Amino acid sequence: MSSTTPISDHIGLRRIWAIAWPIIISSATQTALNVTDTAFIGRLGAIPLGAGAIGGIIYLTVIMFAWGFGVGTQIVVARRLGEGRVRMVGRTVTHAFIFQWSMALVLFTVLMVGREPIMRLLVSSDAVRGEAVGFLSYRLWGIFFAHTNFAFRSLYVGLGRTKILSLTSGVMVAVNIVLDYLLVFGIGPFPEMGIRGAALASVVAELCCTAVFIVATQIKIDARRYSLFRFRILSFRLIGRLIRVAIPVMAQNFFTILSWLLFFLIIERLGESELATSNIVRSLYIVMQIPLMGFNSAANTLVSYQMGRGRVDDVVPLIWRVARVCLLLVAVFVAIPLLFPGWALSIYTDQPALIDMGRPLIPILVTSSLIMSIGTVLFSGISGTGRTSHAFAIEGSVVVVYLAVAFTLGSLLHMPLRVVWMSDVVYSLLLVGVCLCYLKWGRWREAKV
């Protein structure tokens, strides 16, 4: 590792793994947070479980704006690093913080005011709707900390210094598990808050993650070298550049999570048990895909770095190196749910009916996860070139087909739950196919950021 750049010139499997593994650990701990919430809420019954699914996806849909802006910032940071313009790294990240905080304030205000009308529009069950509104009343406070954490993350991933992510995520999950236990069931002096307790626990956990980022940055990052947090004057030109790169990523991430929300609303029309089962399965699905986040970020950062150094011909071979490793690791993660589906589902619920309903879905999720391990790395590589608007167009077209298939199967043909979930395999196959076509024939080689 050179003294001038945290990313080495040679990018082999060892370097890919060095960037990916801390993010995989981070993803694993963040997934543990999701599993913990679902497992605790699952003990409260099918209605809170369904409400937690809807409320949680709405929250994820909103913070995907921040996530997308963070990915856009990360692309610009890695590009400036590849160009050797290290002082622009700090200026870029400082302006990213300003934009993230401004966006958080707007989103929080809109959602706190409009959460009840939004839920009336989306959810048909009165019981599920009431619980979901209560969940969001607490969960939305986490927006401020989530946006801050994404800004820090864009700095560390853009620099290729990802080890800190495993620490911050570990702290967040540890706090969340303890507070879930205390607040959901009302242990000791703590009130019994049910689904609201799970929401509050997640907010406090995000706050603790922010605190760790602040302390670690003071210790680990040479702020003077990167000109970090040395704010003099707001550069609308720099913010505009970040927005230009990030908006397609923001829209793409929002669109992706929105598709999950719409998919779950289709499922909600099938029944409360189907919705509860799908929430359990979704959580298990996320576990299967833990490696994706790490390798997607590695592909994104390393492709942008190589583009900054003018090594365009190395991009596609690099993407395939990342994709192969990702596929192998995902195969390991899907093995246990495939071999022991009943045990895997019983982690989330003790209701036999929900476990039996979820069993036929496991092979579908395994198939989709293996295909997605290739598709998402290809997609992240395209974003890393700087062609984020093209990546958004790819995602948008694939999601439209995915939702059309799900709506046809679930709402028009009233097919069983396992058949509706087959639409996810359709999504995965389409993503791989379209990304391959773009990398072969698309105009990404001359991309600038």
Protein backbone atom coordinates (compact mmCIF):
# COMPACT_ATOMS: atom_id res chain seq x y z
CA MET A 1 0.00 0.00 0.00
CA SER A 2 1.55 3.22 -1.12
CA SER A 3 1.94 6.32 0.95
CA THR A 4 0.09 8.38 -1.60
CA THR A 5 -2.90 6.22 -2.28
CA PRO A 6 -4.62 3.57 -0.16
CA ILE A 7 -5.40 1.49 -3.28
CA SER A 8 -2.48 -0.44 -4.75
CA ASP A 9 -1.66 -0.38 -8.45
CA HIS A 10 -2.06 -4.14 -8.89
CA ILE A 11 -5.64 -5.26 -8.38
CA GLY A 12 -5.75 -9.02 -7.94
CA LEU A 13 -7.96 -11.25 -5.83
CA ARG A 14 -6.07 -10.30 -2.66
CA ARG A 15 -6.80 -6.59 -3.18
CA ILE A 16 -10.42 -7.29 -4.09
CA TRP A 17 -10.80 -9.32 -0.91
CA ALA A 18 -9.06 -6.66 1.19
CA ILE A 19 -11.72 -4.13 0.21
CA ALA A 20 -14.64 -6.56 0.20
CA TRP A 21 -14.27 -8.50 3.44
CA PRO A 22 -14.80 -5.62 5.90
CA ILE A 23 -17.90 -4.61 3.95
CA ILE A 24 -19.09 -8.22 4.00
CA ILE A 25 -18.62 -8.26 7.78
CA SER A 26 -20.47 -4.95 7.91
CA SER A 27 -23.26 -6.40 5.77
CA ALA A 28 -23.39 -9.49 7.97
CA THR A 29 -23.78 -7.42 11.11
CA GLN A 30 -26.36 -5.14 9.48
CA THR A 31 -28.22 -8.24 8.34
CA ALA A 32 -28.04 -9.52 11.90
CA LEU A 33 -29.85 -6.31 12.86
CA ASN A 34 -32.61 -7.13 10.38
CA VAL A 35 -32.75 -10.74 11.54
CA THR A 36 -32.91 -9.63 15.17
CA ASP A 37 -35.76 -7.20 14.55
CA THR A 38 -37.70 -9.78 12.56
CA ALA A 39 -37.08 -12.51 15.12
CA PHE A 40 -38.24 -10.37 18.06
CA ILE A 41 -41.25 -8.94 16.21
CA GLY A 42 -42.10 -12.43 14.96
CA ARG A 43 -42.82 -13.46 18.55
CA LEU A 44 -45.54 -10.78 18.71
CA GLY A 45 -47.69 -12.37 15.99
CA ALA A 46 -48.47 -12.17 12.28
CA ILE A 47 -49.90 -8.63 12.33
CA PRO A 48 -46.86 -6.93 13.94
CA LEU A 49 -44.63 -9.01 11.68
CA GLY A 50 -46.45 -7.75 8.59
CA ALA A 51 -46.47 -4.18 9.91
CA GLY A 52 -42.75 -4.36 10.58
CA ALA A 53 -42.22 -5.49 6.99
CA ILE A 54 -44.18 -2.58 5.51
CA GLY A 55 -42.76 0.03 7.92
CA GLY A 56 -39.22 -1.24 7.51
CA ILE A 57 -39.37 -1.18 3.73
CA ILE A 58 -40.80 2.36 3.75
CA TYR A 59 -37.86 3.45 5.92
CA LEU A 60 -35.40 1.69 3.63
CA THR A 61 -37.05 3.27 0.59
CA VAL A 62 -36.49 6.73 2.06
CA ILE A 63 -32.88 6.28 3.18
CA MET A 64 -31.98 4.83 -0.21
CA PHE A 65 -31.75 8.45 -1.36
CA ALA A 66 -28.90 8.88 1.13
CA TRP A 67 -27.37 5.54 0.22
CA GLY A 68 -27.42 6.46 -3.47
CA PHE A 69 -25.83 9.84 -2.83
CA GLY A 70 -23.18 8.08 -0.75
CA VAL A 71 -22.39 5.71 -3.61
CA GLY A 72 -22.14 8.66 -5.99
CA THR A 73 -19.76 10.38 -3.56
CA GLN A 74 -17.74 7.19 -3.24
CA ILE A 75 -17.35 7.01 -7.04
CA VAL A 76 -16.06 10.61 -7.17
CA VAL A 77 -13.71 10.06 -4.20
CA ALA A 78 -12.18 6.95 -5.81
CA ARG A 79 -11.82 8.78 -9.13
CA ARG A 80 -10.02 11.74 -7.52
CA LEU A 81 -7.77 9.30 -5.68
CA GLY A 82 -6.90 7.57 -8.95
CA GLU A 83 -6.12 10.95 -10.49
CA GLY A 84 -3.81 11.80 -7.56
CA ARG A 85 -5.92 14.81 -6.47
CA VAL A 86 -6.04 13.88 -2.78
CA ARG A 87 -7.07 17.30 -1.44
CA MET A 88 -10.22 17.12 -3.54
CA VAL A 89 -11.18 14.03 -1.57
CA GLY A 90 -11.80 16.06 1.59
CA ARG A 91 -13.64 18.85 -0.20
CA THR A 92 -15.87 16.30 -1.90
CA VAL A 93 -16.75 14.51 1.34
CA THR A 94 -17.32 17.77 3.26
CA HIS A 95 -19.83 18.94 0.68
CA ALA A 96 -21.42 15.47 0.76
CA PHE A 97 -22.07 15.86 4.49
CA ILE A 98 -23.79 19.21 3.93
CA PHE A 99 -26.05 17.76 1.25
CA GLN A 100 -26.83 14.62 3.29
CA TRP A 101 -27.92 16.63 6.33
CA SER A 102 -30.08 18.95 4.24
CA MET A 103 -31.75 15.99 2.57
CA ALA A 104 -32.34 14.28 5.92
CA LEU A 105 -34.16 17.30 7.32
CA VAL A 106 -36.49 17.53 4.32
CA LEU A 107 -37.31 13.81 4.23
CA PHE A 108 -37.89 13.60 7.98
CA THR A 109 -40.29 16.55 7.95
CA VAL A 110 -42.32 15.26 5.00
CA LEU A 111 -42.65 11.73 6.38
CA MET A 112 -43.46 12.66 9.97
CA VAL A 113 -46.27 14.88 8.73
CA GLY A 114 -47.53 12.47 6.08
CA ARG A 115 -46.98 9.03 7.59
CA GLU A 116 -50.65 8.34 8.41
CA PRO A 117 -52.08 9.41 5.01
CA ILE A 118 -49.34 7.41 3.29
CA MET A 119 -50.18 4.26 5.24
CA ARG A 120 -53.92 4.69 4.59
CA LEU A 121 -53.11 4.81 0.90
CA LEU A 122 -50.84 1.77 0.92
CA VAL A 123 -52.25 -0.74 3.44
CA SER A 124 -55.73 -2.25 3.38
CA SER A 125 -55.64 -3.98 6.79
CA ASP A 126 -56.57 -1.61 9.65
CA ALA A 127 -54.61 -3.68 12.17
CA VAL A 128 -51.43 -3.78 10.07
CA ARG A 129 -51.74 -0.08 9.23
CA GLY A 130 -52.01 1.00 12.88
CA GLU A 131 -48.95 -0.98 13.90
CA ALA A 132 -46.95 0.28 10.93
CA VAL A 133 -47.73 3.94 11.77
CA GLY A 134 -46.57 3.36 15.35
CA PHE A 135 -43.38 1.76 14.08
CA LEU A 136 -42.59 4.70 11.78
CA SER A 137 -43.27 7.27 14.53
CA TYR A 138 -40.07 6.09 16.19
CA ARG A 139 -38.10 4.70 13.26
CA LEU A 140 -38.06 7.92 11.23
CA TRP A 141 -35.79 9.63 13.79
CA GLY A 142 -33.01 7.39 12.54
CA ILE A 143 -32.92 9.25 9.21
CA PHE A 144 -30.48 11.84 10.59
CA PHE A 145 -28.00 9.23 11.80
CA ALA A 146 -28.36 7.04 8.71
CA HIS A 147 -27.53 9.97 6.41
CA THR A 148 -24.48 10.84 8.51
CA ASN A 149 -23.29 7.23 8.48
CA PHE A 150 -23.63 7.01 4.70
CA ALA A 151 -21.49 10.13 4.30
CA PHE A 152 -18.75 8.61 6.46
CA ARG A 153 -19.06 5.35 4.56
CA SER A 154 -18.53 7.08 1.21
CA LEU A 155 -15.22 8.46 2.53
CA TYR A 156 -13.87 5.14 3.76
CA VAL A 157 -15.04 3.01 0.82
CA GLY A 158 -13.84 5.61 -1.69
CA LEU A 159 -10.39 5.50 -0.08
CA GLY A 160 -10.41 1.71 0.03
CA ARG A 161 -10.10 1.80 3.84
CA THR A 162 -13.08 -0.35 4.68
CA LYS A 163 -12.01 -2.08 7.91
CA ILE A 164 -13.76 0.56 10.03
CA LEU A 165 -17.12 -0.56 8.62
CA SER A 166 -16.96 -3.89 10.43
CA LEU A 167 -16.42 -2.07 13.74
CA THR A 168 -19.23 0.46 13.28
CA SER A 169 -21.68 -2.20 12.17
CA GLY A 170 -20.69 -4.49 15.02
CA VAL A 171 -21.40 -1.77 17.57
CA MET A 172 -24.73 -1.01 15.91
CA VAL A 173 -25.90 -4.62 15.96
CA ALA A 174 -24.77 -5.24 19.54
CA VAL A 175 -26.70 -2.21 20.77
CA ASN A 176 -29.73 -3.17 18.70
CA ILE A 177 -29.89 -6.75 20.00
CA VAL A 178 -29.73 -5.66 23.63
CA LEU A 179 -32.30 -2.89 23.23
CA ASP A 180 -34.62 -5.09 21.15
CA TYR A 181 -34.75 -7.58 24.00
CA LEU A 182 -35.31 -4.90 26.64
CA LEU A 183 -37.80 -2.70 24.78
CA VAL A 184 -39.89 -5.16 22.76
CA PHE A 185 -40.80 -7.29 25.77
CA GLY A 186 -40.32 -4.76 28.60
CA ILE A 187 -37.55 -6.44 30.56
CA GLY A 188 -36.71 -5.02 34.00
CA PRO A 189 -37.29 -1.25 34.29
CA PHE A 190 -37.84 -0.84 30.54
CA PRO A 191 -41.37 -0.36 29.16
CA GLU A 192 -43.00 -3.04 26.99
CA MET A 193 -43.16 -1.22 23.65
CA GLY A 194 -43.70 -4.07 21.20
CA ILE A 195 -43.00 -3.15 17.58
CA ARG A 196 -42.28 0.45 18.63
CA GLY A 197 -39.50 -0.84 20.87
CA ALA A 198 -37.82 -2.51 17.89
CA ALA A 199 -37.97 0.79 15.99
CA LEU A 200 -36.49 2.77 18.90
CA ALA A 201 -33.73 0.20 19.38
CA SER A 202 -32.69 0.61 15.74
CA VAL A 203 -32.55 4.40 16.06
CA VAL A 204 -30.31 4.27 19.14
CA ALA A 205 -28.10 1.71 17.39
CA GLU A 206 -27.66 4.05 14.40
CA LEU A 207 -26.75 6.87 16.79
CA CYS A 208 -24.03 4.71 18.36
CA CYS A 209 -22.71 3.89 14.88
CA THR A 210 -22.42 7.62 14.15
CA ALA A 211 -20.49 8.15 17.39
CA VAL A 212 -17.97 5.43 16.47
CA PHE A 213 -17.48 6.95 13.01
CA ILE A 214 -16.74 10.37 14.53
CA VAL A 215 -14.17 9.02 16.98
CA ALA A 216 -12.52 6.73 14.42
CA THR A 217 -12.22 9.53 11.86
CA GLN A 218 -10.48 11.73 14.40
CA ILE A 219 -7.95 8.96 15.01
CA LYS A 220 -7.52 7.29 11.61
CA ILE A 221 -7.91 9.96 8.92
CA ASP A 222 -5.32 12.64 8.19
CA ALA A 223 -7.78 15.50 7.78
CA ARG A 224 -5.06 17.98 6.76
CA ARG A 225 -3.73 15.79 3.96
CA TYR A 226 -7.16 15.28 2.43
CA SER A 227 -8.41 18.78 3.33
CA LEU A 228 -11.27 17.11 5.17
CA PHE A 229 -13.80 19.27 7.07
CA ARG A 230 -11.79 22.40 6.23
CA PHE A 231 -14.81 24.29 5.04
CA ARG A 232 -14.29 27.77 3.62
CA ILE A 233 -16.98 28.44 1.06
CA LEU A 234 -19.81 26.36 -0.30
CA SER A 235 -19.07 25.29 -3.87
CA PHE A 236 -22.33 24.84 -5.74
CA ARG A 237 -20.30 23.59 -8.68
CA LEU A 238 -18.90 20.73 -6.60
CA ILE A 239 -22.32 19.89 -5.15
CA GLY A 240 -23.70 19.97 -8.67
CA ARG A 241 -21.05 17.51 -9.83
CA LEU A 242 -21.86 15.18 -6.94
CA ILE A 243 -25.56 15.42 -7.66
CA ARG A 244 -25.01 14.74 -11.35
CA VAL A 245 -23.16 11.51 -10.54
CA ALA A 246 -25.34 10.56 -7.57
CA ILE A 247 -28.88 11.30 -8.74
CA PRO A 248 -29.11 8.27 -11.04
CA VAL A 249 -27.73 6.09 -8.22
CA MET A 250 -30.16 7.66 -5.73
CA ALA A 251 -33.05 7.10 -8.11
CA GLN A 252 -31.90 3.58 -8.88
CA ASN A 253 -31.62 2.60 -5.20
CA PHE A 254 -34.94 4.25 -4.41
CA PHE A 255 -36.54 2.48 -7.35
CA THR A 256 -35.11 -0.87 -6.23
CA ILE A 257 -36.44 -0.61 -2.68
CA LEU A 258 -39.71 0.86 -3.94
CA SER A 259 -40.08 -2.26 -6.06
CA TRP A 260 -39.76 -4.32 -2.86
CA LEU A 261 -42.45 -2.19 -1.24
CA LEU A 262 -44.78 -2.60 -4.22
CA PHE A 263 -44.03 -6.33 -4.28
CA PHE A 264 -45.00 -6.59 -0.61
CA LEU A 265 -48.18 -4.62 -1.23
CA ILE A 266 -49.06 -7.19 -3.89
CA ILE A 267 -48.38 -9.92 -1.31
CA GLU A 268 -50.43 -8.04 1.33
CA ARG A 269 -53.51 -8.48 -0.87
CA LEU A 270 -53.00 -12.26 -0.71
CA GLY A 271 -53.43 -12.28 3.08
CA GLU A 272 -51.82 -11.49 6.43
CA SER A 273 -50.16 -14.92 6.68
CA GLU A 274 -48.66 -14.56 3.21
CA LEU A 275 -47.33 -11.13 4.15
CA ALA A 276 -45.83 -12.41 7.41
CA THR A 277 -44.22 -15.36 5.62
CA SER A 278 -42.79 -13.09 2.95
CA ASN A 279 -41.24 -10.85 5.62
CA ILE A 280 -39.52 -13.88 7.13
CA VAL A 281 -38.36 -15.07 3.73
CA ARG A 282 -37.13 -11.59 2.77
CA SER A 283 -34.98 -11.50 5.90
CA LEU A 284 -33.55 -14.93 5.08
CA TYR A 285 -33.00 -13.80 1.48
CA ILE A 286 -30.91 -10.87 2.74
CA VAL A 287 -28.78 -13.30 4.76
CA MET A 288 -28.11 -15.33 1.61
CA GLN A 289 -26.95 -12.19 -0.17
CA ILE A 290 -24.58 -10.88 2.53
CA PRO A 291 -21.48 -11.13 0.27
CA LEU A 292 -23.09 -8.98 -2.42
CA MET A 293 -22.63 -5.69 -0.60
CA GLY A 294 -18.91 -6.17 -0.13
CA PHE A 295 -18.15 -7.27 -3.67
CA ASN A 296 -20.47 -4.67 -5.19
CA SER A 297 -18.61 -1.92 -3.32
CA ALA A 298 -15.27 -3.44 -4.32
CA ALA A 299 -16.28 -3.52 -7.99
CA ASN A 300 -17.62 0.03 -7.80
CA THR A 301 -14.55 1.51 -6.11
CA LEU A 302 -11.90 -0.41 -8.07
CA VAL A 303 -13.51 0.24 -11.45
CA SER A 304 -13.70 3.97 -10.71
CA TYR A 305 -10.06 3.95 -9.56
CA GLN A 306 -8.92 2.17 -12.73
CA MET A 307 -10.90 4.59 -14.88
CA GLY A 308 -9.20 7.48 -13.07
CA ARG A 309 -5.80 5.98 -13.91
CA GLY A 310 -6.79 5.57 -17.57
CA ARG A 311 -6.70 1.75 -17.45
CA VAL A 312 -9.97 1.25 -19.31
CA ASP A 313 -9.02 -2.12 -20.83
CA ASP A 314 -8.61 -3.60 -17.33
CA VAL A 315 -12.19 -2.83 -16.29
CA VAL A 316 -14.14 -5.82 -17.69
CA PRO A 317 -11.57 -8.45 -16.58
CA LEU A 318 -11.60 -6.81 -13.14
CA ILE A 319 -15.40 -7.02 -12.93
CA TRP A 320 -15.32 -10.73 -13.81
CA ARG A 321 -12.67 -11.43 -11.17
CA VAL A 322 -14.90 -9.83 -8.56
CA ALA A 323 -18.00 -11.66 -9.85
CA ARG A 324 -16.37 -15.11 -9.67
CA VAL A 325 -15.33 -14.68 -6.06
CA CYS A 326 -18.75 -13.30 -5.17
CA LEU A 327 -20.51 -16.31 -6.73
CA LEU A 328 -18.36 -18.76 -4.77
CA LEU A 329 -19.04 -17.05 -1.46
CA VAL A 330 -22.78 -16.72 -2.08
CA ALA A 331 -22.86 -20.47 -2.82
CA VAL A 332 -21.54 -21.04 0.70
CA PHE A 333 -24.15 -18.74 2.24
CA VAL A 334 -27.12 -20.41 0.50
CA ALA A 335 -26.07 -23.95 1.43
CA ILE A 336 -27.49 -24.02 4.98
CA PRO A 337 -30.98 -22.64 4.17
CA LEU A 338 -31.17 -25.03 1.21
CA LEU A 339 -30.20 -28.08 3.28
CA PHE A 340 -32.08 -27.12 6.48
CA PRO A 341 -35.02 -24.89 5.45
CA GLY A 342 -37.17 -25.66 8.48
CA TRP A 343 -34.42 -24.78 10.93
CA ALA A 344 -33.59 -21.57 9.06
CA LEU A 345 -37.22 -20.42 9.08
CA SER A 346 -37.71 -21.35 12.75
CA ILE A 347 -35.17 -18.67 13.71
CA TYR A 348 -37.78 -16.07 12.80
CA THR A 349 -41.03 -17.64 13.99
CA ASP A 350 -42.36 -20.48 16.10
CA GLN A 351 -45.63 -20.72 14.13
CA PRO A 352 -45.74 -24.01 12.14
CA ALA A 353 -48.14 -22.61 9.54
CA LEU A 354 -45.73 -19.82 8.58
CA ILE A 355 -42.78 -22.24 8.48
CA ASP A 356 -44.68 -24.63 6.20
CA MET A 357 -45.69 -21.76 3.92
CA GLY A 358 -42.08 -20.60 3.69
CA ARG A 359 -40.45 -23.96 2.86
CA PRO A 360 -41.31 -23.98 -0.89
CA LEU A 361 -39.82 -20.50 -1.26
CA ILE A 362 -36.29 -21.47 -0.20
CA PRO A 363 -35.17 -23.11 -3.50
CA ILE A 364 -36.50 -20.07 -5.38
CA LEU A 365 -34.45 -17.70 -3.21
CA VAL A 366 -31.33 -19.84 -3.54
CA THR A 367 -31.59 -19.78 -7.34
CA SER A 368 -32.16 -16.03 -7.41
CA SER A 369 -29.27 -15.36 -5.00
CA LEU A 370 -26.77 -17.28 -7.13
CA ILE A 371 -27.80 -15.41 -10.28
CA MET A 372 -27.79 -12.07 -8.42
CA SER A 373 -24.22 -12.65 -7.25
CA ILE A 374 -23.18 -12.17 -10.88
CA GLY A 375 -25.76 -9.57 -11.86
CA THR A 376 -25.18 -7.08 -9.07
CA VAL A 377 -21.39 -7.10 -9.52
CA LEU A 378 -21.82 -6.44 -13.24
CA PHE A 379 -24.25 -3.65 -12.39
CA SER A 380 -21.93 -2.10 -9.77
CA GLY A 381 -19.08 -2.18 -12.25
CA ILE A 382 -21.19 -0.18 -14.71
CA SER A 383 -21.94 2.39 -12.00
CA GLY A 384 -18.23 2.54 -11.15
CA THR A 385 -17.41 3.68 -14.68
CA GLY A 386 -19.37 6.85 -13.95
CA ARG A 387 -22.26 5.97 -16.26
CA THR A 388 -24.71 6.09 -13.37
CA SER A 389 -27.55 7.36 -15.56
CA HIS A 390 -27.14 4.34 -17.82
CA ALA A 391 -27.12 2.07 -14.76
CA PHE A 392 -30.37 3.66 -13.61
CA ALA A 393 -31.92 3.02 -17.02
CA ILE A 394 -30.89 -0.63 -16.78
CA GLU A 395 -32.31 -1.01 -13.27
CA GLY A 396 -35.51 0.82 -14.16
CA SER A 397 -36.25 -1.33 -17.19
CA VAL A 398 -35.59 -4.56 -15.29
CA VAL A 399 -37.71 -3.49 -12.30
CA VAL A 400 -40.67 -2.58 -14.51
CA VAL A 401 -40.68 -6.09 -15.98
CA TYR A 402 -40.24 -7.61 -12.49
CA LEU A 403 -43.23 -5.74 -11.07
CA ALA A 404 -45.35 -6.47 -14.12
CA VAL A 405 -44.68 -10.19 -13.70
CA ALA A 406 -45.38 -10.07 -9.93
CA PHE A 407 -48.60 -8.08 -10.44
CA THR A 408 -49.80 -10.45 -13.14
CA LEU A 409 -49.08 -13.55 -11.06
CA GLY A 410 -50.34 -12.19 -7.74
CA SER A 411 -53.11 -9.68 -8.45
CA LEU A 412 -54.50 -10.82 -11.80
CA LEU A 413 -54.00 -14.59 -11.81
CA HIS A 414 -54.09 -15.04 -7.98
CA MET A 415 -51.33 -17.63 -8.10
CA PRO A 416 -49.90 -19.22 -4.92
CA LEU A 417 -47.21 -17.39 -2.96
CA ARG A 418 -44.35 -19.54 -4.28
CA VAL A 419 -45.32 -18.74 -7.89
CA VAL A 420 -45.44 -14.99 -7.19
CA TRP A 421 -41.93 -15.18 -5.71
CA MET A 422 -40.68 -16.65 -9.01
CA SER A 423 -40.77 -13.10 -10.35
CA ASP A 424 -37.54 -12.54 -8.40
CA VAL A 425 -35.75 -15.12 -10.55
CA VAL A 426 -37.02 -13.28 -13.62
CA TYR A 427 -35.51 -10.06 -12.23
CA SER A 428 -32.11 -11.69 -11.61
CA LEU A 429 -31.88 -13.21 -15.08
CA LEU A 430 -32.85 -9.97 -16.79
CA LEU A 431 -30.29 -7.98 -14.78
CA VAL A 432 -27.46 -10.29 -15.84
CA GLY A 433 -28.52 -10.25 -19.48
CA VAL A 434 -28.91 -6.49 -19.81
CA CYS A 435 -25.64 -5.74 -17.96
CA LEU A 436 -23.70 -8.14 -20.18
CA CYS A 437 -25.09 -6.46 -23.28
CA TYR A 438 -24.16 -3.01 -21.97
CA LEU A 439 -20.59 -3.96 -21.05
CA LYS A 440 -20.11 -5.39 -24.54
CA TRP A 441 -21.80 -2.69 -26.62
CA GLY A 442 -22.46 0.27 -24.30
CA ARG A 443 -20.54 3.57 -24.36
CA TRP A 444 -18.88 3.50 -20.95
CA ARG A 445 -15.17 3.70 -21.84
CA GLU A 446 -15.11 7.49 -22.23
CA ALA A 447 -17.14 8.25 -19.08
CA LYS A 448 -16.03 11.29 -17.02
CA VAL A 449 -16.98 12.34 -13.49
